[in-house]
Amino acid sequence: MRATAAGVLGLEVSLLQSGMGGVAGTELACAVSNAGAAGCVGGYKLAGGALSAMLDRLVTGTDRPVGVNLIPEVVGPAELDRQVAQVLEETPQRVHLSFFGMPDDAVLDRVAAAGRQTVVQIGTADDGMHAAARGAVVVVQGTEAGGHLLGTSRRDDLVGTLRALVPDACLVASGGIGSPEEAERALAAGADGVLLGTAFVVAHESRAHARFKSAVTGADEADTVITDVYEIGWPGRRHRVLATSVTADPEQPTKFIGKTVVEGKPYLVPRFSSAVPTEATSGRIEEMALYCGQSCGAISGEVPAAGVVATFAQVLSGAAFVKTKERAESHVG
């Protein structure tokens, strides 16, 4: 049997938490890792002292494997190189690097040379094969996922395609997974673990604004839409969000609708900003980017991050994972 995500990353549960910028702070990442899964903090555009402060909180908050998520297309090659250098210099070996989208090969080579594990989230078969060839854990994102979309394929279709193309790769399914039953379907398609985003948006330790959390727990998949209106700060990507007055009328004027604070620095939030509303945000929360996957229908309330991990451990840990895979392989066969 192929290695599970838990086996590759040194976890108890083959479950990864999405490193959602703004929402996934060190509190959430550490809580997920301390529960036996792979927590991940959102690095986004942080650098210098702000990044160092976050990394210090991360490594003091957990002694388990944990990740730092970086976004190549948002920061550009030079800034990404500086971020990677900081993470490698300021964190121990148990901290892996997670990339949303493909970084340059030189970046992957640098991480590998440092003896660190790499996780790469992709949305196409070509990128998946490329990441697998470089030894990365490949997170296969389907269009069911909340947030920015890297491709146009459904989750299980893309997982199945990649499993045939790279049979020995460690594939982690992402998108629309809100229950253990949905995780089992992803495993049946050929995944070796799953990544959750929306389920952790509503965790106690998440930094998502309270009205953002309430909107997610009160929604079902029909309340989500794929749009490109929230492009300020992250142009050129479609994203799945909860439908808002902004997605319904993208011709509204671009003006400031709120304020937020990131690592102690205040910022104004314009309409159409890609920034998520966090606990440090004020203003018209209901008009902001409420990233939400199709899993929201299975999410009914706010729970501790450890509770989310425990729920999915039913099918993603130890002997339970083996039994689940055996049932899936038997069904497929």
C-alpha atoms as a PDB file:
ATOM      1  CA  MET A   1       0.000   0.000   0.000  1.00  0.00           C
ATOM      2  CA  ARG A   2       1.205   3.544  -0.756  1.00  0.00           C
ATOM      3  CA  ALA A   3       2.401   5.789   2.039  1.00  0.00           C
ATOM      4  CA  THR A   4      -0.363   7.800   3.672  1.00  0.00           C
ATOM      5  CA  ALA A   5      -0.113  11.537   4.188  1.00  0.00           C
ATOM      6  CA  ALA A   6       0.369  10.756   7.883  1.00  0.00           C
ATOM      7  CA  GLY A   7       3.294   8.488   7.087  1.00  0.00           C
ATOM      8  CA  VAL A   8       5.014  11.046   4.868  1.00  0.00           C
ATOM      9  CA  LEU A   9       4.556  14.017   7.213  1.00  0.00           C
ATOM     10  CA  GLY A  10       4.908  12.201  10.538  1.00  0.00           C
ATOM     11  CA  LEU A  11       1.303  12.635  11.669  1.00  0.00           C
ATOM     12  CA  GLU A  12      -1.230  10.558  13.538  1.00  0.00           C
ATOM     13  CA  VAL A  13      -4.069  11.459  11.174  1.00  0.00           C
ATOM     14  CA  SER A  14      -3.837  11.832   7.367  1.00  0.00           C
ATOM     15  CA  LEU A  15      -5.455  15.241   7.543  1.00  0.00           C
ATOM     16  CA  LEU A  16      -4.006  18.602   6.500  1.00  0.00           C
ATOM     17  CA  GLN A  17      -5.389  22.009   7.434  1.00  0.00           C
ATOM     18  CA  SER A  18      -5.395  24.663   4.716  1.00  0.00           C
ATOM     19  CA  GLY A  19      -3.030  27.571   5.403  1.00  0.00           C
ATOM     20  CA  MET A  20      -5.673  30.216   4.798  1.00  0.00           C
ATOM     21  CA  GLY A  21      -4.243  33.729   4.863  1.00  0.00           C
ATOM     22  CA  GLY A  22      -5.777  35.811   7.660  1.00  0.00           C
ATOM     23  CA  VAL A  23      -7.876  32.950   9.015  1.00  0.00           C
ATOM     24  CA  ALA A  24      -5.159  30.373   9.711  1.00  0.00           C
ATOM     25  CA  GLY A  25      -3.073  32.002  12.396  1.00  0.00           C
ATOM     26  CA  THR A  26      -0.687  30.231  14.732  1.00  0.00           C
ATOM     27  CA  GLU A  27      -3.474  29.431  17.216  1.00  0.00           C
ATOM     28  CA  LEU A  28      -5.312  27.326  14.636  1.00  0.00           C
ATOM     29  CA  ALA A  29      -2.202  25.736  13.149  1.00  0.00           C
ATOM     30  CA  CYS A  30      -0.856  24.697  16.542  1.00  0.00           C
ATOM     31  CA  ALA A  31      -4.210  23.358  17.723  1.00  0.00           C
ATOM     32  CA  VAL A  32      -4.531  21.174  14.614  1.00  0.00           C
ATOM     33  CA  SER A  33      -0.970  19.862  14.925  1.00  0.00           C
ATOM     34  CA  ASN A  34      -1.334  19.224  18.638  1.00  0.00           C
ATOM     35  CA  ALA A  35      -4.406  17.119  17.807  1.00  0.00           C
ATOM     36  CA  GLY A  36      -2.321  14.871  15.526  1.00  0.00           C
ATOM     37  CA  ALA A  37      -2.967  16.330  12.073  1.00  0.00           C
ATOM     38  CA  ALA A  38      -0.953  18.839  10.023  1.00  0.00           C
ATOM     39  CA  GLY A  39      -1.667  22.398  11.041  1.00  0.00           C
ATOM     40  CA  CYS A  40      -0.563  25.139   8.678  1.00  0.00           C
ATOM     41  CA  VAL A  41      -0.205  28.874   9.234  1.00  0.00           C
ATOM     42  CA  GLY A  42      -0.909  31.336   6.426  1.00  0.00           C
ATOM     43  CA  GLY A  43       2.273  33.201   5.526  1.00  0.00           C
ATOM     44  CA  TYR A  44       0.676  35.212   2.686  1.00  0.00           C
ATOM     45  CA  LYS A  45       2.733  38.428   2.183  1.00  0.00           C
ATOM     46  CA  LEU A  46       4.464  38.450   5.577  1.00  0.00           C
ATOM     47  CA  ALA A  47       8.221  39.050   5.593  1.00  0.00           C
ATOM     48  CA  GLY A  48      10.957  40.352   7.856  1.00  0.00           C
ATOM     49  CA  GLY A  49      10.011  41.018  11.464  1.00  0.00           C
ATOM     50  CA  ALA A  50       6.324  40.220  10.987  1.00  0.00           C
ATOM     51  CA  LEU A  51       7.130  36.790   9.553  1.00  0.00           C
ATOM     52  CA  SER A  52       9.706  36.147  12.269  1.00  0.00           C
ATOM     53  CA  ALA A  53       7.162  36.954  14.988  1.00  0.00           C
ATOM     54  CA  MET A  54       4.679  34.532  13.455  1.00  0.00           C
ATOM     55  CA  LEU A  55       7.269  31.764  13.102  1.00  0.00           C
ATOM     56  CA  ASP A  56       8.305  32.203  16.724  1.00  0.00           C
ATOM     57  CA  ARG A  57       4.702  31.784  17.886  1.00  0.00           C
ATOM     58  CA  LEU A  58       4.350  28.737  15.656  1.00  0.00           C
ATOM     59  CA  VAL A  59       7.367  26.800  16.903  1.00  0.00           C
ATOM     60  CA  THR A  60       6.678  27.618  20.553  1.00  0.00           C
ATOM     61  CA  GLY A  61       3.021  26.648  20.204  1.00  0.00           C
ATOM     62  CA  THR A  62       3.588  23.061  19.102  1.00  0.00           C
ATOM     63  CA  ASP A  63       6.355  20.470  19.074  1.00  0.00           C
ATOM     64  CA  ARG A  64       4.551  18.457  16.371  1.00  0.00           C
ATOM     65  CA  PRO A  65       4.915  18.566  12.567  1.00  0.00           C
ATOM     66  CA  VAL A  66       3.372  21.798  11.256  1.00  0.00           C
ATOM     67  CA  GLY A  67       3.484  23.829   8.047  1.00  0.00           C
ATOM     68  CA  VAL A  68       3.896  27.350   6.714  1.00  0.00           C
ATOM     69  CA  ASN A  69       1.858  28.200   3.619  1.00  0.00           C
ATOM     70  CA  LEU A  70       3.306  30.532   0.973  1.00  0.00           C
ATOM     71  CA  ILE A  71       1.759  31.765  -2.285  1.00  0.00           C
ATOM     72  CA  PRO A  72       4.208  32.109  -5.216  1.00  0.00           C
ATOM     73  CA  GLU A  73       1.934  34.059  -7.552  1.00  0.00           C
ATOM     74  CA  VAL A  74       0.998  36.678  -4.968  1.00  0.00           C
ATOM     75  CA  VAL A  75       4.487  37.691  -3.808  1.00  0.00           C
ATOM     76  CA  GLY A  76       6.642  37.008  -6.869  1.00  0.00           C
ATOM     77  CA  PRO A  77       9.956  35.111  -7.135  1.00  0.00           C
ATOM     78  CA  ALA A  78      12.233  37.483  -5.209  1.00  0.00           C
ATOM     79  CA  GLU A  79       9.946  37.904  -2.211  1.00  0.00           C
ATOM     80  CA  LEU A  80       9.106  34.196  -2.168  1.00  0.00           C
ATOM     81  CA  ASP A  81      12.808  33.410  -2.047  1.00  0.00           C
ATOM     82  CA  ARG A  82      13.191  35.685   0.984  1.00  0.00           C
ATOM     83  CA  GLN A  83      10.185  34.092   2.701  1.00  0.00           C
ATOM     84  CA  VAL A  84      11.516  30.579   2.091  1.00  0.00           C
ATOM     85  CA  ALA A  85      14.938  31.567   3.409  1.00  0.00           C
ATOM     86  CA  GLN A  86      13.374  32.901   6.615  1.00  0.00           C
ATOM     87  CA  VAL A  87      11.316  29.791   7.209  1.00  0.00           C
ATOM     88  CA  LEU A  88      14.307  27.517   6.652  1.00  0.00           C
ATOM     89  CA  GLU A  89      16.591  29.601   8.862  1.00  0.00           C
ATOM     90  CA  GLU A  90      14.177  30.285  11.713  1.00  0.00           C
ATOM     91  CA  THR A  91      12.291  26.996  12.159  1.00  0.00           C
ATOM     92  CA  PRO A  92      13.230  23.385  13.010  1.00  0.00           C
ATOM     93  CA  GLN A  93      13.063  20.426  10.620  1.00  0.00           C
ATOM     94  CA  ARG A  94       9.552  19.466  11.701  1.00  0.00           C
ATOM     95  CA  VAL A  95       8.192  22.566   9.945  1.00  0.00           C
ATOM     96  CA  HIS A  96       7.299  21.810   6.328  1.00  0.00           C
ATOM     97  CA  LEU A  97       6.720  24.328   3.557  1.00  0.00           C
ATOM     98  CA  SER A  98       3.354  24.380   1.838  1.00  0.00           C
ATOM     99  CA  PHE A  99       2.853  26.203  -1.457  1.00  0.00           C
ATOM    100  CA  PHE A 100      -0.462  27.281  -2.945  1.00  0.00           C
ATOM    101  CA  GLY A 101       0.348  26.876  -6.620  1.00  0.00           C
ATOM    102  CA  MET A 102       3.594  25.768  -8.227  1.00  0.00           C
ATOM    103  CA  PRO A 103       6.793  27.555  -7.200  1.00  0.00           C
ATOM    104  CA  ASP A 104       9.876  27.522  -9.431  1.00  0.00           C
ATOM    105  CA  ASP A 105      11.933  24.341  -9.414  1.00  0.00           C
ATOM    106  CA  ALA A 106      14.781  26.232  -7.744  1.00  0.00           C
ATOM    107  CA  VAL A 107      12.535  26.845  -4.728  1.00  0.00           C
ATOM    108  CA  LEU A 108      11.575  23.181  -4.478  1.00  0.00           C
ATOM    109  CA  ASP A 109      15.227  22.182  -4.826  1.00  0.00           C
ATOM    110  CA  ARG A 110      16.218  24.578  -2.045  1.00  0.00           C
ATOM    111  CA  VAL A 111      13.608  23.175   0.321  1.00  0.00           C
ATOM    112  CA  ALA A 112      14.591  19.599  -0.509  1.00  0.00           C
ATOM    113  CA  ALA A 113      18.287  20.374  -0.011  1.00  0.00           C
ATOM    114  CA  ALA A 114      17.433  21.639   3.475  1.00  0.00           C
ATOM    115  CA  GLY A 115      15.851  18.275   4.269  1.00  0.00           C
ATOM    116  CA  ARG A 116      12.339  19.700   4.551  1.00  0.00           C
ATOM    117  CA  GLN A 117       9.138  18.152   3.283  1.00  0.00           C
ATOM    118  CA  THR A 118       7.235  20.106   0.644  1.00  0.00           C
ATOM    119  CA  VAL A 119       3.470  20.239   0.133  1.00  0.00           C
ATOM    120  CA  VAL A 120       2.206  21.742  -3.135  1.00  0.00           C
ATOM    121  CA  GLN A 121      -1.442  22.482  -3.893  1.00  0.00           C
ATOM    122  CA  ILE A 122      -2.346  22.225  -7.578  1.00  0.00           C
ATOM    123  CA  GLY A 123      -5.417  22.304  -9.790  1.00  0.00           C
ATOM    124  CA  THR A 124      -4.235  20.663 -13.013  1.00  0.00           C
ATOM    125  CA  ALA A 125      -2.825  17.271 -13.963  1.00  0.00           C
ATOM    126  CA  ASP A 126       0.323  18.835 -15.452  1.00  0.00           C
ATOM    127  CA  ASP A 127       1.139  20.702 -12.238  1.00  0.00           C
ATOM    128  CA  GLY A 128       0.349  17.598 -10.222  1.00  0.00           C
ATOM    129  CA  MET A 129       2.795  15.491 -12.222  1.00  0.00           C
ATOM    130  CA  HIS A 130       5.427  18.216 -11.918  1.00  0.00           C
ATOM    131  CA  ALA A 131       5.036  18.500  -8.151  1.00  0.00           C
ATOM    132  CA  ALA A 132       5.077  14.712  -7.729  1.00  0.00           C
ATOM    133  CA  ALA A 133       8.261  14.453  -9.788  1.00  0.00           C
ATOM    134  CA  ARG A 134       9.919  16.860  -7.345  1.00  0.00           C
ATOM    135  CA  GLY A 135       8.964  14.661  -4.375  1.00  0.00           C
ATOM    136  CA  ALA A 136       6.194  16.856  -3.002  1.00  0.00           C
ATOM    137  CA  VAL A 137       3.028  15.807  -1.246  1.00  0.00           C
ATOM    138  CA  VAL A 138       0.487  16.862  -3.875  1.00  0.00           C
ATOM    139  CA  VAL A 139      -2.717  18.520  -2.684  1.00  0.00           C
ATOM    140  CA  VAL A 140      -5.264  17.986  -5.460  1.00  0.00           C
ATOM    141  CA  GLN A 141      -7.745  20.868  -5.387  1.00  0.00           C
ATOM    142  CA  GLY A 142     -11.146  20.460  -7.016  1.00  0.00           C
ATOM    143  CA  THR A 143     -13.576  23.205  -7.910  1.00  0.00           C
ATOM    144  CA  GLU A 144     -15.702  22.233  -4.901  1.00  0.00           C
ATOM    145  CA  ALA A 145     -13.123  24.026  -2.739  1.00  0.00           C
ATOM    146  CA  GLY A 146     -13.615  27.401  -1.143  1.00  0.00           C
ATOM    147  CA  GLY A 147     -11.180  30.216  -1.873  1.00  0.00           C
ATOM    148  CA  HIS A 148      -9.042  30.724  -4.930  1.00  0.00           C
ATOM    149  CA  LEU A 149      -9.298  28.006  -7.542  1.00  0.00           C
ATOM    150  CA  LEU A 150      -6.250  26.594  -9.307  1.00  0.00           C
ATOM    151  CA  GLY A 151      -8.089  24.640 -11.998  1.00  0.00           C
ATOM    152  CA  THR A 152     -11.412  23.651 -13.511  1.00  0.00           C
ATOM    153  CA  SER A 153     -11.702  19.955 -12.593  1.00  0.00           C
ATOM    154  CA  ARG A 154     -13.823  18.298  -9.957  1.00  0.00           C
ATOM    155  CA  ARG A 155     -11.884  16.861  -7.025  1.00  0.00           C
ATOM    156  CA  ASP A 156     -12.324  13.137  -7.549  1.00  0.00           C
ATOM    157  CA  ASP A 157     -11.909  13.391 -11.318  1.00  0.00           C
ATOM    158  CA  LEU A 158      -8.541  15.089 -10.882  1.00  0.00           C
ATOM    159  CA  VAL A 159      -7.472  12.710  -8.105  1.00  0.00           C
ATOM    160  CA  GLY A 160      -8.302   9.732 -10.321  1.00  0.00           C
ATOM    161  CA  THR A 161      -6.457  11.196 -13.292  1.00  0.00           C
ATOM    162  CA  LEU A 162      -3.339  11.874 -11.254  1.00  0.00           C
ATOM    163  CA  ARG A 163      -3.430   8.496  -9.525  1.00  0.00           C
ATOM    164  CA  ALA A 164      -3.210   6.867 -12.960  1.00  0.00           C
ATOM    165  CA  LEU A 165      -0.401   9.186 -14.063  1.00  0.00           C
ATOM    166  CA  VAL A 166       1.687   9.126 -10.858  1.00  0.00           C
ATOM    167  CA  PRO A 167       0.724   5.874  -9.105  1.00  0.00           C
ATOM    168  CA  ASP A 168       3.319   6.153  -6.337  1.00  0.00           C
ATOM    169  CA  ALA A 169       2.771   9.817  -5.436  1.00  0.00           C
ATOM    170  CA  CYS A 170       1.237  10.925  -2.142  1.00  0.00           C
ATOM    171  CA  LEU A 171      -2.009  12.633  -3.158  1.00  0.00           C
ATOM    172  CA  VAL A 172      -4.151  14.652  -0.758  1.00  0.00           C
ATOM    173  CA  ALA A 173      -7.695  15.514  -1.858  1.00  0.00           C
ATOM    174  CA  SER A 174      -9.096  19.010  -1.315  1.00  0.00           C
ATOM    175  CA  GLY A 175     -12.505  20.498  -1.993  1.00  0.00           C
ATOM    176  CA  GLY A 176     -15.997  19.872  -0.694  1.00  0.00           C
ATOM    177  CA  ILE A 177     -14.959  17.605   2.194  1.00  0.00           C
ATOM    178  CA  GLY A 178     -17.113  18.309   5.235  1.00  0.00           C
ATOM    179  CA  SER A 179     -17.736  14.835   6.616  1.00  0.00           C
ATOM    180  CA  PRO A 180     -15.914  11.523   7.139  1.00  0.00           C
ATOM    181  CA  GLU A 181     -18.162  10.023   4.455  1.00  0.00           C
ATOM    182  CA  GLU A 182     -16.964  12.581   1.921  1.00  0.00           C
ATOM    183  CA  ALA A 183     -13.380  11.878   2.984  1.00  0.00           C
ATOM    184  CA  GLU A 184     -13.997   8.200   2.260  1.00  0.00           C
ATOM    185  CA  ARG A 185     -15.179   9.103  -1.240  1.00  0.00           C
ATOM    186  CA  ALA A 186     -11.942  11.002  -1.816  1.00  0.00           C
ATOM    187  CA  LEU A 187      -9.922   8.015  -0.639  1.00  0.00           C
ATOM    188  CA  ALA A 188     -11.918   5.761  -2.964  1.00  0.00           C
ATOM    189  CA  ALA A 189     -10.917   8.038  -5.858  1.00  0.00           C
ATOM    190  CA  GLY A 190      -7.245   7.427  -5.015  1.00  0.00           C
ATOM    191  CA  ALA A 191      -6.276   9.967  -2.348  1.00  0.00           C
ATOM    192  CA  ASP A 192      -3.866   9.226   0.517  1.00  0.00           C
ATOM    193  CA  GLY A 193      -5.334  11.861   2.821  1.00  0.00           C
ATOM    194  CA  VAL A 194      -7.462  15.000   2.744  1.00  0.00           C
ATOM    195  CA  LEU A 195      -7.039  18.738   3.237  1.00  0.00           C
ATOM    196  CA  LEU A 196      -9.777  20.789   4.914  1.00  0.00           C
ATOM    197  CA  GLY A 197     -10.326  24.520   4.711  1.00  0.00           C
ATOM    198  CA  THR A 198     -13.956  25.465   5.295  1.00  0.00           C
ATOM    199  CA  ALA A 199     -14.315  23.062   8.234  1.00  0.00           C
ATOM    200  CA  PHE A 200     -11.505  24.930   9.994  1.00  0.00           C
ATOM    201  CA  VAL A 201     -12.811  28.414   9.138  1.00  0.00           C
ATOM    202  CA  VAL A 202     -15.432  27.873  11.834  1.00  0.00           C
ATOM    203  CA  ALA A 203     -13.087  26.328  14.417  1.00  0.00           C
ATOM    204  CA  HIS A 204     -12.803  28.139  17.758  1.00  0.00           C
ATOM    205  CA  GLU A 205      -9.140  28.912  17.061  1.00  0.00           C
ATOM    206  CA  SER A 206      -9.785  30.350  13.598  1.00  0.00           C
ATOM    207  CA  ARG A 207      -9.310  34.099  13.211  1.00  0.00           C
ATOM    208  CA  ALA A 208     -12.339  34.399  10.925  1.00  0.00           C
ATOM    209  CA  HIS A 209     -14.776  37.142  11.898  1.00  0.00           C
ATOM    210  CA  ALA A 210     -17.737  35.903  13.951  1.00  0.00           C
ATOM    211  CA  ARG A 211     -20.193  36.949  11.201  1.00  0.00           C
ATOM    212  CA  PHE A 212     -18.094  35.085   8.636  1.00  0.00           C
ATOM    213  CA  LYS A 213     -18.278  31.945  10.787  1.00  0.00           C
ATOM    214  CA  SER A 214     -22.035  32.315  11.229  1.00  0.00           C
ATOM    215  CA  ALA A 215     -22.532  32.749   7.498  1.00  0.00           C
ATOM    216  CA  VAL A 216     -20.620  29.525   6.809  1.00  0.00           C
ATOM    217  CA  THR A 217     -22.459  27.437   9.407  1.00  0.00           C
ATOM    218  CA  GLY A 218     -25.794  28.709   8.121  1.00  0.00           C
ATOM    219  CA  ALA A 219     -25.078  27.976   4.458  1.00  0.00           C
ATOM    220  CA  ASP A 220     -25.302  25.015   2.137  1.00  0.00           C
ATOM    221  CA  GLU A 221     -23.522  24.413  -1.159  1.00  0.00           C
ATOM    222  CA  ALA A 222     -26.229  26.194  -3.153  1.00  0.00           C
ATOM    223  CA  ASP A 223     -25.254  29.416  -1.341  1.00  0.00           C
ATOM    224  CA  THR A 224     -21.745  29.361  -2.839  1.00  0.00           C
ATOM    225  CA  VAL A 225     -20.728  30.794  -6.206  1.00  0.00           C
ATOM    226  CA  ILE A 226     -17.613  30.822  -8.349  1.00  0.00           C
ATOM    227  CA  THR A 227     -16.684  34.378  -9.287  1.00  0.00           C
ATOM    228  CA  ASP A 228     -13.700  36.626  -9.970  1.00  0.00           C
ATOM    229  CA  VAL A 229     -14.970  39.817  -8.349  1.00  0.00           C
ATOM    230  CA  TYR A 230     -12.696  39.752  -5.281  1.00  0.00           C
ATOM    231  CA  GLU A 231      -9.546  40.525  -7.214  1.00  0.00           C
ATOM    232  CA  ILE A 232      -7.895  43.419  -5.384  1.00  0.00           C
ATOM    233  CA  GLY A 233      -4.713  41.971  -3.896  1.00  0.00           C
ATOM    234  CA  TRP A 234      -5.013  38.735  -5.873  1.00  0.00           C
ATOM    235  CA  PRO A 235      -5.991  39.305  -9.521  1.00  0.00           C
ATOM    236  CA  GLY A 236      -6.468  36.650 -12.168  1.00  0.00           C
ATOM    237  CA  ARG A 237      -8.079  33.909 -10.078  1.00  0.00           C
ATOM    238  CA  ARG A 238     -11.620  32.666  -9.802  1.00  0.00           C
ATOM    239  CA  HIS A 239     -12.735  31.872  -6.293  1.00  0.00           C
ATOM    240  CA  ARG A 240     -15.599  30.106  -4.555  1.00  0.00           C
ATOM    241  CA  VAL A 241     -17.305  32.310  -1.982  1.00  0.00           C
ATOM    242  CA  LEU A 242     -20.660  32.709  -0.340  1.00  0.00           C
ATOM    243  CA  ALA A 243     -22.958  34.745  -2.576  1.00  0.00           C
ATOM    244  CA  THR A 244     -23.068  38.398  -1.481  1.00  0.00           C
ATOM    245  CA  SER A 245     -24.450  41.672  -2.767  1.00  0.00           C
ATOM    246  CA  VAL A 246     -21.037  42.212  -4.328  1.00  0.00           C
ATOM    247  CA  THR A 247     -21.084  38.963  -6.306  1.00  0.00           C
ATOM    248  CA  ALA A 248     -24.634  39.815  -7.399  1.00  0.00           C
ATOM    249  CA  ASP A 249     -23.678  43.301  -8.590  1.00  0.00           C
ATOM    250  CA  PRO A 250     -19.990  43.586  -9.553  1.00  0.00           C
ATOM    251  CA  GLU A 251     -20.602  47.007 -11.122  1.00  0.00           C
ATOM    252  CA  GLN A 252     -20.695  48.718  -7.741  1.00  0.00           C
ATOM    253  CA  PRO A 253     -18.097  51.421  -7.123  1.00  0.00           C
ATOM    254  CA  THR A 254     -14.750  50.419  -5.639  1.00  0.00           C
ATOM    255  CA  LYS A 255     -14.649  52.212  -2.312  1.00  0.00           C
ATOM    256  CA  PHE A 256     -13.502  51.447   1.211  1.00  0.00           C
ATOM    257  CA  ILE A 257     -16.000  49.367   3.163  1.00  0.00           C
ATOM    258  CA  GLY A 258     -14.005  48.475   6.250  1.00  0.00           C
ATOM    259  CA  LYS A 259     -10.777  48.383   8.215  1.00  0.00           C
ATOM    260  CA  THR A 260      -8.546  45.579   9.429  1.00  0.00           C
ATOM    261  CA  VAL A 261      -5.267  44.952  11.238  1.00  0.00           C
ATOM    262  CA  VAL A 262      -2.545  42.517  10.121  1.00  0.00           C
ATOM    263  CA  GLU A 263       0.388  41.816  12.472  1.00  0.00           C
ATOM    264  CA  GLY A 264      -0.221  45.125  14.222  1.00  0.00           C
ATOM    265  CA  LYS A 265      -0.539  47.254  11.074  1.00  0.00           C
ATOM    266  CA  PRO A 266      -3.870  48.907  10.143  1.00  0.00           C
ATOM    267  CA  TYR A 267      -5.260  48.659   6.601  1.00  0.00           C
ATOM    268  CA  LEU A 268      -8.363  49.913   4.828  1.00  0.00           C
ATOM    269  CA  VAL A 269     -10.440  47.250   3.074  1.00  0.00           C
ATOM    270  CA  PRO A 270     -11.860  48.231  -0.337  1.00  0.00           C
ATOM    271  CA  ARG A 271     -14.883  46.605  -1.917  1.00  0.00           C
ATOM    272  CA  PHE A 272     -13.638  43.732  -4.137  1.00  0.00           C
ATOM    273  CA  SER A 273     -10.643  43.078  -1.865  1.00  0.00           C
ATOM    274  CA  SER A 274      -9.432  39.495  -1.690  1.00  0.00           C
ATOM    275  CA  ALA A 275      -8.790  39.910   2.059  1.00  0.00           C
ATOM    276  CA  VAL A 276     -11.004  37.788   4.319  1.00  0.00           C
ATOM    277  CA  PRO A 277     -12.784  39.417   7.259  1.00  0.00           C
ATOM    278  CA  THR A 278     -11.002  38.411  10.452  1.00  0.00           C
ATOM    279  CA  GLU A 279     -11.616  39.098  14.122  1.00  0.00           C
ATOM    280  CA  ALA A 280      -9.572  42.290  13.580  1.00  0.00           C
ATOM    281  CA  THR A 281     -11.851  43.519  10.757  1.00  0.00           C
ATOM    282  CA  SER A 282     -14.701  45.992  11.062  1.00  0.00           C
ATOM    283  CA  GLY A 283     -17.140  47.410   8.537  1.00  0.00           C
ATOM    284  CA  ARG A 284     -19.420  45.760   5.988  1.00  0.00           C
ATOM    285  CA  ILE A 285     -18.449  42.163   6.692  1.00  0.00           C
ATOM    286  CA  GLU A 286     -21.368  40.828   4.648  1.00  0.00           C
ATOM    287  CA  GLU A 287     -19.890  42.430   1.477  1.00  0.00           C
ATOM    288  CA  MET A 288     -16.388  41.020   1.932  1.00  0.00           C
ATOM    289  CA  ALA A 289     -14.844  37.848   0.505  1.00  0.00           C
ATOM    290  CA  LEU A 290     -16.482  35.031   2.460  1.00  0.00           C
ATOM    291  CA  TYR A 291     -14.509  32.104   1.061  1.00  0.00           C
ATOM    292  CA  CYS A 292     -16.517  28.918   1.461  1.00  0.00           C
ATOM    293  CA  GLY A 293     -16.428  25.471  -0.108  1.00  0.00           C
ATOM    294  CA  GLN A 294     -19.312  23.193  -0.999  1.00  0.00           C
ATOM    295  CA  SER A 295     -18.663  21.307   2.234  1.00  0.00           C
ATOM    296  CA  CYS A 296     -20.539  24.000   4.175  1.00  0.00           C
ATOM    297  CA  GLY A 297     -23.778  22.012   4.120  1.00  0.00           C
ATOM    298  CA  ALA A 298     -22.146  19.418   6.379  1.00  0.00           C
ATOM    299  CA  ILE A 299     -20.867  22.047   8.836  1.00  0.00           C
ATOM    300  CA  SER A 300     -23.423  23.072  11.432  1.00  0.00           C
ATOM    301  CA  GLY A 301     -21.546  24.818  14.204  1.00  0.00           C
ATOM    302  CA  GLU A 302     -18.337  26.173  15.660  1.00  0.00           C
ATOM    303  CA  VAL A 303     -16.153  23.525  17.327  1.00  0.00           C
ATOM    304  CA  PRO A 304     -12.575  23.287  18.610  1.00  0.00           C
ATOM    305  CA  ALA A 305      -9.998  22.389  15.961  1.00  0.00           C
ATOM    306  CA  ALA A 306      -9.236  19.208  17.877  1.00  0.00           C
ATOM    307  CA  GLY A 307     -12.883  18.234  17.495  1.00  0.00           C
ATOM    308  CA  VAL A 308     -12.634  18.541  13.717  1.00  0.00           C
ATOM    309  CA  VAL A 309      -9.531  16.345  13.719  1.00  0.00           C
ATOM    310  CA  ALA A 310     -11.203  13.773  15.995  1.00  0.00           C
ATOM    311  CA  THR A 311     -14.220  13.552  13.698  1.00  0.00           C
ATOM    312  CA  PHE A 312     -12.102  12.772  10.638  1.00  0.00           C
ATOM    313  CA  ALA A 313      -9.749  10.497  12.586  1.00  0.00           C
ATOM    314  CA  GLN A 314     -12.548   7.931  12.346  1.00  0.00           C
ATOM    315  CA  VAL A 315     -11.438   7.222   8.781  1.00  0.00           C
ATOM    316  CA  LEU A 316      -8.020   8.883   8.507  1.00  0.00           C
ATOM    317  CA  SER A 317      -5.922   7.480  11.348  1.00  0.00           C
ATOM    318  CA  GLY A 318      -4.006   4.242  11.797  1.00  0.00           C
ATOM    319  CA  ALA A 319      -5.992   1.044  11.428  1.00  0.00           C
ATOM    320  CA  ALA A 320      -9.120   3.045  10.536  1.00  0.00           C
ATOM    321  CA  PHE A 321      -7.324   4.449   7.496  1.00  0.00           C
ATOM    322  CA  VAL A 322      -6.172   1.003   6.380  1.00  0.00           C
ATOM    323  CA  LYS A 323      -9.699  -0.414   6.676  1.00  0.00           C
ATOM    324  CA  THR A 324     -11.122   2.552   4.788  1.00  0.00           C
ATOM    325  CA  LYS A 325      -8.592   2.141   1.991  1.00  0.00           C
ATOM    326  CA  GLU A 326      -9.218  -1.586   1.788  1.00  0.00           C
ATOM    327  CA  ARG A 327     -12.963  -1.004   1.460  1.00  0.00           C
ATOM    328  CA  ALA A 328     -12.349   1.672  -1.167  1.00  0.00           C
ATOM    329  CA  GLU A 329      -9.970  -0.487  -3.180  1.00  0.00           C
ATOM    330  CA  SER A 330     -12.341  -3.439  -2.971  1.00  0.00           C
ATOM    331  CA  HIS A 331     -15.196  -1.262  -4.187  1.00  0.00           C
ATOM    332  CA  VAL A 332     -13.147   0.158  -7.053  1.00  0.00           C
ATOM    333  CA  GLY A 333     -11.918  -3.319  -7.985  1.00  0.00           C
END
